[in-house]
Every structure is written in structure tokens, then in C-alpha cells.
Amino acid sequence: MNKEKTINLFDNDSDTELYRHKLTLERIKNELIAFGLTSNQSKVFIYLGKYGSKTAAEIAKALQLPRTETYHLVNSLQNLGLVTAELVHPTKYSAMEMKQAIETLVKQEQQRVNSLAGKENSLSELWKQVPFFVVETDESKSEKMQLLHGMGPINNKIKEMTESSMESFKIYGSIPDVLRFYHSDVFDWVEESPSNLQMVISPISKTPDFFSEFDQKKVRAVLSDSDKKCFIINDAKEVLIFMRNATHATRQTFAWRSDSETLVDMMTP
């Protein structure tokens, strides 16, 4: 009697039919992780979405997961509203359609953010009730640096910079960098400030269509072989330097923010 071969969607040999979908499955898994799921939650959701309703035992066998962990995973996915359970014995689990699942995750995140935003005033008032015990020294006025990881925190910092900008807001980067700023509403933030926007693009071979929205006197093209640099200078008082710009192969983005006068002078084009 032949045993049924265990299929692991995420660990396929190159000679199997599923191998050609391996990269796509990994990409989908990583996108779901970005929406807040764990790696194993993503695997279970994808498996149910592509193989239909399954029992916890079938899921555990197919994905090579411990049985007890599998029960925890399907229950957590049920709590998130991404998986439903059929009233049969043994219980079978089914995944929601992907579009509906993403909409559910987005709504939950929006609700979480709205809940946190509602606590802003009350938390600030509680904070004020506790006195400060810091003694001001010259050391407290020293130059500072801050590491930012991910486009969310980086965009929040850029918005803070535009809100404090009074004179000049200089952007130096490649076309992909400028496109990323454009789609993140950075230029709208600058326009709402009294500051004067200046851009230095390097290299530039073809002018993107959206450039027509800008005063061409504010845009300067530099003929350069390097497209790895990207940084922002605000009022010659602070600089934000991308350690990995939009042309970098990895999706992870890092940036340094500093109010060092020496560093700002060095980075000023």
C-alpha cells in the first residue's frame, strides 16, 4: 500500500510541479507578514486558500508543523476573521478569499490606529502630571543622531521636517527616490510649508511626467554615474540620509537623521 506523499508548499524540490510557484508563494507569505501575520499563520492561510478546507491534522502534515501549534494557528486565524471552521467531525478549516482577507486586516489596523490616536491627549496629560528630574547641562544640547528603520517611521520623520521647515528643503536622489517621495505625499507637505523646495536629481536621463508639476527652476539634474545617494537637508539644520535608497535590491530601508552642523555642511550639494 503506497503512502500519500506529503506536500510542503514552502520547501519543494526543483523537480516537482510546485517548485515553479515557490518564489511567488514566498512573496505572498512575506506580504502577509507585512500585514501582521506570523510566518506560520501566513503558511496556513495560503495552504487553505489553495487546497480548500482541511482538518488541523491535514494542515500539520502538509506543512510539517507540530499538531498542537497547528491548532493554535487556525484558532488565531479564526480570531482574526481570516479562517472559518466547518461544523463537522473532525473540524475542517477554510480560508477567506484573499481580497476580503486583506480588507479585513486593513480595517483592523485602522481601528487599532484610531484607538491609539484617541489616547493621545489623555496620555499627554498623564505625562505632564509627572515632574521632570533632568538637570540641563551642555551635554543635553549635544548633536544627536537617530536611526530609522522602515518607510513608515522615515515618512513620519520627513513630515516632521517639513512642518518645521521655514527656509529651504533640499532633496538629493535618483528618479526612483523622487518617485517614492512623490507617492508618499512629501511634496504636498513641503508645499504646505513656507519653505522653498529644491531638488538635485542624479542621474537623470528622462524627465518623468510628474516633473511638469514643479517649478523647473527648483530642479537641477546632475550627470553622474552614481544613483546610490539619497538624502534630505532641512533649513541647513538637519539631514536625513538613506543608507539604502530606492534602487537598492532589498526591501528593507534604513535612514539616519542628524542635526550635526558638520554633517549637514558636508552633505550640502
Protein backbone atom coordinates (compact mmCIF):
# COMPACT_ATOMS: atom_id res chain seq x y z
CA MET A 1 0.00 0.00 0.00
CA ASN A 2 1.50 3.34 -1.11
CA LYS A 3 1.59 6.18 1.37
CA GLU A 4 0.36 9.57 0.20
CA LYS A 5 3.34 11.88 -0.37
CA THR A 6 3.44 14.89 1.96
CA ILE A 7 3.33 18.19 0.08
CA ASN A 8 5.13 21.12 1.64
CA LEU A 9 4.28 24.27 -0.29
CA PHE A 10 7.28 26.16 1.04
CA ASP A 11 10.01 23.52 0.74
CA ASN A 12 9.73 21.98 -2.71
CA ASP A 13 12.34 20.11 -4.71
CA SER A 14 13.29 21.53 -8.10
CA ASP A 15 11.80 18.52 -9.88
CA THR A 16 8.28 18.99 -8.51
CA GLU A 17 5.46 20.87 -10.25
CA LEU A 18 5.05 23.22 -7.28
CA TYR A 19 8.66 24.40 -7.42
CA ARG A 20 7.89 26.93 -10.15
CA HIS A 21 5.48 28.63 -7.72
CA LYS A 22 7.97 28.70 -4.83
CA LEU A 23 9.13 32.30 -5.32
CA THR A 24 5.57 33.54 -5.78
CA LEU A 25 4.44 31.75 -2.63
CA GLU A 26 7.35 33.19 -0.65
CA ARG A 27 6.48 36.67 -1.90
CA ILE A 28 2.82 36.25 -0.90
CA LYS A 29 3.91 34.95 2.52
CA ASN A 30 6.18 37.97 3.06
CA GLU A 31 3.38 40.36 2.06
CA LEU A 32 1.04 38.73 4.59
CA ILE A 33 3.74 39.06 7.25
CA ALA A 34 3.84 42.78 6.44
CA PHE A 35 0.11 42.86 7.26
CA GLY A 36 0.83 41.48 10.72
CA LEU A 37 0.60 37.71 10.33
CA THR A 38 3.36 35.43 11.56
CA SER A 39 5.28 33.26 9.12
CA ASN A 40 3.37 30.10 10.08
CA GLN A 41 0.00 31.88 10.11
CA SER A 42 0.75 33.01 6.54
CA LYS A 43 1.67 29.48 5.50
CA VAL A 44 -1.56 28.03 6.92
CA PHE A 45 -3.70 30.73 5.29
CA ILE A 46 -2.02 30.23 1.90
CA TYR A 47 -2.32 26.44 2.14
CA LEU A 48 -6.05 26.57 2.95
CA GLY A 49 -6.59 29.20 0.26
CA LYS A 50 -5.06 26.99 -2.45
CA TYR A 51 -6.04 23.49 -1.25
CA GLY A 52 -9.52 24.14 0.15
CA SER A 53 -10.93 23.09 3.51
CA LYS A 54 -8.67 20.85 5.58
CA THR A 55 -8.52 19.43 9.08
CA ALA A 56 -5.83 20.53 11.53
CA ALA A 57 -4.17 17.14 11.12
CA GLU A 58 -4.02 17.54 7.34
CA ILE A 59 -2.60 21.05 7.69
CA ALA A 60 0.04 19.88 10.16
CA LYS A 61 1.08 17.03 7.87
CA ALA A 62 1.19 19.11 4.69
CA LEU A 63 3.16 21.98 6.24
CA GLN A 64 5.21 19.77 8.56
CA LEU A 65 4.06 21.64 11.67
CA PRO A 66 3.51 20.28 15.19
CA ARG A 67 -0.13 19.30 15.72
CA THR A 68 -0.56 21.43 18.86
CA GLU A 69 0.90 24.50 17.13
CA THR A 70 -1.40 23.96 14.16
CA TYR A 71 -4.50 24.11 16.38
CA HIS A 72 -3.18 27.36 17.85
CA LEU A 73 -2.55 28.78 14.36
CA VAL A 74 -6.02 28.02 12.96
CA ASN A 75 -7.66 29.37 16.12
CA SER A 76 -5.66 32.61 15.88
CA LEU A 77 -6.59 32.95 12.20
CA GLN A 78 -10.25 32.44 13.16
CA ASN A 79 -9.94 35.21 15.75
CA LEU A 80 -8.56 37.49 13.03
CA GLY A 81 -11.55 36.66 10.83
CA LEU A 82 -9.42 35.07 8.11
CA VAL A 83 -10.41 31.43 8.58
CA THR A 84 -13.78 29.74 9.18
CA ALA A 85 -14.48 26.36 10.79
CA GLU A 86 -16.98 23.83 9.43
CA LEU A 87 -19.24 22.08 11.97
CA VAL A 88 -18.13 18.56 11.05
CA HIS A 89 -16.01 15.96 12.81
CA PRO A 90 -13.11 16.33 12.62
CA THR A 91 -13.38 20.09 12.19
CA LYS A 92 -12.37 21.43 8.80
CA TYR A 93 -11.00 24.91 8.24
CA SER A 94 -11.35 27.18 5.19
CA ALA A 95 -9.63 30.44 4.25
CA MET A 96 -11.35 33.63 3.18
CA GLU A 97 -10.83 34.94 -0.33
CA MET A 98 -7.55 36.91 -0.44
CA LYS A 99 -9.07 40.32 -1.30
CA GLN A 100 -11.59 40.05 1.54
CA ALA A 101 -8.86 38.89 3.93
CA ILE A 102 -6.67 41.90 3.14
CA GLU A 103 -9.62 44.26 3.57
CA THR A 104 -10.26 42.68 6.98
CA LEU A 105 -6.64 43.10 8.07
CA VAL A 106 -6.57 46.72 6.87
CA LYS A 107 -9.79 47.58 8.75
CA GLN A 108 -8.42 46.00 11.92
CA GLU A 109 -5.20 48.01 11.62
CA GLN A 110 -7.18 51.21 11.01
CA GLN A 111 -9.25 50.53 14.12
CA ARG A 112 -6.09 49.94 16.14
CA VAL A 113 -4.53 53.20 14.91
CA ASN A 114 -7.75 55.15 15.59
CA SER A 115 -7.85 53.70 19.10
CA LEU A 116 -4.25 54.75 19.75
CA ALA A 117 -4.87 58.22 18.31
CA GLY A 118 -7.80 58.65 20.68
CA LYS A 119 -5.47 58.14 23.63
CA GLU A 120 -3.05 60.88 22.54
CA ASN A 121 -4.50 63.69 24.67
CA SER A 122 -5.10 61.59 27.78
CA LEU A 123 -1.61 60.13 27.69
CA SER A 124 -0.07 63.58 27.20
CA GLU A 125 -1.97 64.88 30.22
CA LEU A 126 -0.82 61.95 32.34
CA TRP A 127 2.76 62.60 31.22
CA LYS A 128 2.55 66.24 32.30
CA GLN A 129 1.48 65.19 35.80
CA VAL A 130 4.89 63.64 36.45
CA PRO A 131 7.61 66.28 37.05
CA PHE A 132 10.91 66.28 35.18
CA PHE A 133 14.05 65.47 37.15
CA VAL A 134 16.56 66.18 34.38
CA VAL A 135 19.19 68.82 35.08
CA GLU A 136 20.02 70.82 31.95
CA THR A 137 23.69 70.57 31.03
CA ASP A 138 25.74 71.40 27.98
CA GLU A 139 25.78 67.69 27.23
CA SER A 140 21.99 67.71 26.74
CA LYS A 141 22.46 70.20 23.90
CA SER A 142 24.95 68.00 22.02
CA GLU A 143 24.44 66.91 18.42
CA LYS A 144 22.14 63.94 18.07
CA MET A 145 21.60 61.12 15.58
CA GLN A 146 18.63 58.82 15.12
CA LEU A 147 18.35 55.54 13.18
CA LEU A 148 15.04 54.98 11.39
CA HIS A 149 14.01 51.56 10.07
CA GLY A 150 11.20 51.19 7.50
CA MET A 151 9.36 53.69 5.30
CA GLY A 152 6.64 54.29 7.91
CA PRO A 153 8.92 55.84 10.56
CA ILE A 154 11.02 57.50 7.83
CA ASN A 155 7.99 59.19 6.25
CA ASN A 156 6.82 60.33 9.69
CA LYS A 157 10.22 61.94 10.26
CA ILE A 158 10.14 63.62 6.83
CA LYS A 159 6.70 65.04 7.65
CA GLU A 160 8.08 66.44 10.93
CA MET A 161 10.95 68.00 8.98
CA THR A 162 8.57 69.69 6.51
CA GLU A 163 6.42 71.02 9.36
CA SER A 164 9.46 72.67 10.96
CA SER A 165 10.99 73.86 7.68
CA MET A 166 10.99 77.64 7.22
CA GLU A 167 13.56 78.42 4.52
CA SER A 168 14.78 75.55 2.32
CA PHE A 169 14.00 71.88 1.87
CA LYS A 170 16.56 70.15 -0.35
CA ILE A 171 16.13 66.67 -1.79
CA TYR A 172 19.03 64.83 -3.41
CA GLY A 173 18.40 61.44 -5.03
CA SER A 174 17.69 59.32 -8.07
CA ILE A 175 14.48 59.22 -10.09
CA PRO A 176 13.18 56.17 -8.10
CA ASP A 177 13.84 58.08 -4.86
CA VAL A 178 11.90 61.12 -6.08
CA LEU A 179 9.05 58.89 -7.27
CA ARG A 180 8.88 57.33 -3.81
CA PHE A 181 8.67 60.79 -2.21
CA TYR A 182 6.03 61.82 -4.75
CA HIS A 183 3.77 58.87 -3.94
CA SER A 184 4.31 59.41 -0.19
CA ASP A 185 2.91 62.98 -0.42
CA VAL A 186 6.26 64.51 0.60
CA PHE A 187 5.95 67.28 -1.99
CA ASP A 188 2.45 68.14 -0.75
CA TRP A 189 3.87 68.50 2.77
CA VAL A 190 6.60 70.84 1.52
CA GLU A 191 4.06 72.89 -0.44
CA GLU A 192 2.05 73.44 2.75
CA SER A 193 5.15 74.84 4.48
CA PRO A 194 6.71 78.28 3.91
CA SER A 195 9.90 76.55 2.81
CA ASN A 196 11.48 76.66 -0.65
CA LEU A 197 11.80 73.24 -2.32
CA GLN A 198 14.99 72.40 -4.20
CA MET A 199 15.78 69.07 -5.89
CA VAL A 200 19.03 67.66 -7.23
CA ILE A 201 18.46 64.54 -9.34
CA SER A 202 21.32 62.19 -10.22
CA PRO A 203 21.48 60.70 -12.74
CA ILE A 204 18.62 61.80 -14.98
CA SER A 205 18.12 60.51 -18.50
CA LYS A 206 14.39 61.01 -19.00
CA THR A 207 12.22 63.50 -17.14
CA PRO A 208 9.19 61.83 -15.50
CA ASP A 209 5.77 63.24 -16.40
CA PHE A 210 5.03 64.45 -12.87
CA PHE A 211 8.03 66.80 -13.04
CA SER A 212 5.84 69.19 -15.03
CA GLU A 213 4.04 69.97 -11.76
CA PHE A 214 7.19 71.60 -10.34
CA ASP A 215 8.84 74.92 -10.98
CA GLN A 216 11.73 73.85 -13.22
CA LYS A 217 13.98 76.40 -11.53
CA LYS A 218 13.78 74.25 -8.41
CA VAL A 219 15.02 71.11 -10.18
CA ARG A 220 18.64 70.53 -11.09
CA ALA A 221 19.95 67.48 -12.93
CA VAL A 222 23.44 66.20 -12.25
CA LEU A 223 25.26 63.99 -14.73
CA SER A 224 26.63 61.26 -12.52
CA ASP A 225 27.22 57.52 -12.69
CA SER A 226 26.06 57.15 -9.11
CA ASP A 227 22.39 56.61 -8.24
CA LYS A 228 23.01 55.26 -4.75
CA LYS A 229 22.84 58.52 -2.81
CA CYS A 230 19.66 59.88 -1.32
CA PHE A 231 19.34 62.47 1.42
CA ILE A 232 17.26 65.45 2.56
CA ILE A 233 18.51 68.68 4.11
CA ASN A 234 16.11 70.88 6.06
CA ASP A 235 16.98 74.55 6.64
CA ALA A 236 20.69 73.67 6.83
CA LYS A 237 19.97 72.45 10.38
CA GLU A 238 19.26 68.73 9.95
CA VAL A 239 19.89 65.98 7.42
CA LEU A 240 18.16 62.67 6.70
CA ILE A 241 20.45 60.19 4.92
CA PHE A 242 19.11 57.00 3.35
CA MET A 243 21.51 54.11 3.94
CA ARG A 244 19.58 52.11 1.34
CA ASN A 245 17.86 54.17 -1.31
CA ALA A 246 15.04 53.19 -3.69
CA THR A 247 17.43 51.49 -6.13
CA HIS A 248 18.69 49.03 -3.50
CA ALA A 249 17.80 45.37 -4.13
CA THR A 250 16.45 44.71 -0.64
CA ARG A 251 13.05 45.97 0.51
CA GLN A 252 14.42 46.94 3.93
CA THR A 253 15.01 50.68 4.20
CA PHE A 254 17.23 52.46 6.73
CA ALA A 255 17.92 56.16 7.23
CA TRP A 256 19.96 58.32 9.62
CA ARG A 257 18.65 61.65 10.86
CA SER A 258 21.12 64.09 12.45
CA ASP A 259 21.26 67.75 13.50
CA SER A 260 25.08 67.78 13.28
CA GLU A 261 26.14 71.06 11.68
CA THR A 262 29.33 69.46 10.40
CA LEU A 263 27.41 66.61 8.74
CA VAL A 264 24.86 68.99 7.24
CA ASP A 265 27.66 71.10 5.75
CA MET A 266 29.37 68.02 4.33
CA MET A 267 26.14 66.78 2.68
CA THR A 268 25.02 70.11 1.23
CA PRO A 269 25.32 69.89 -2.58
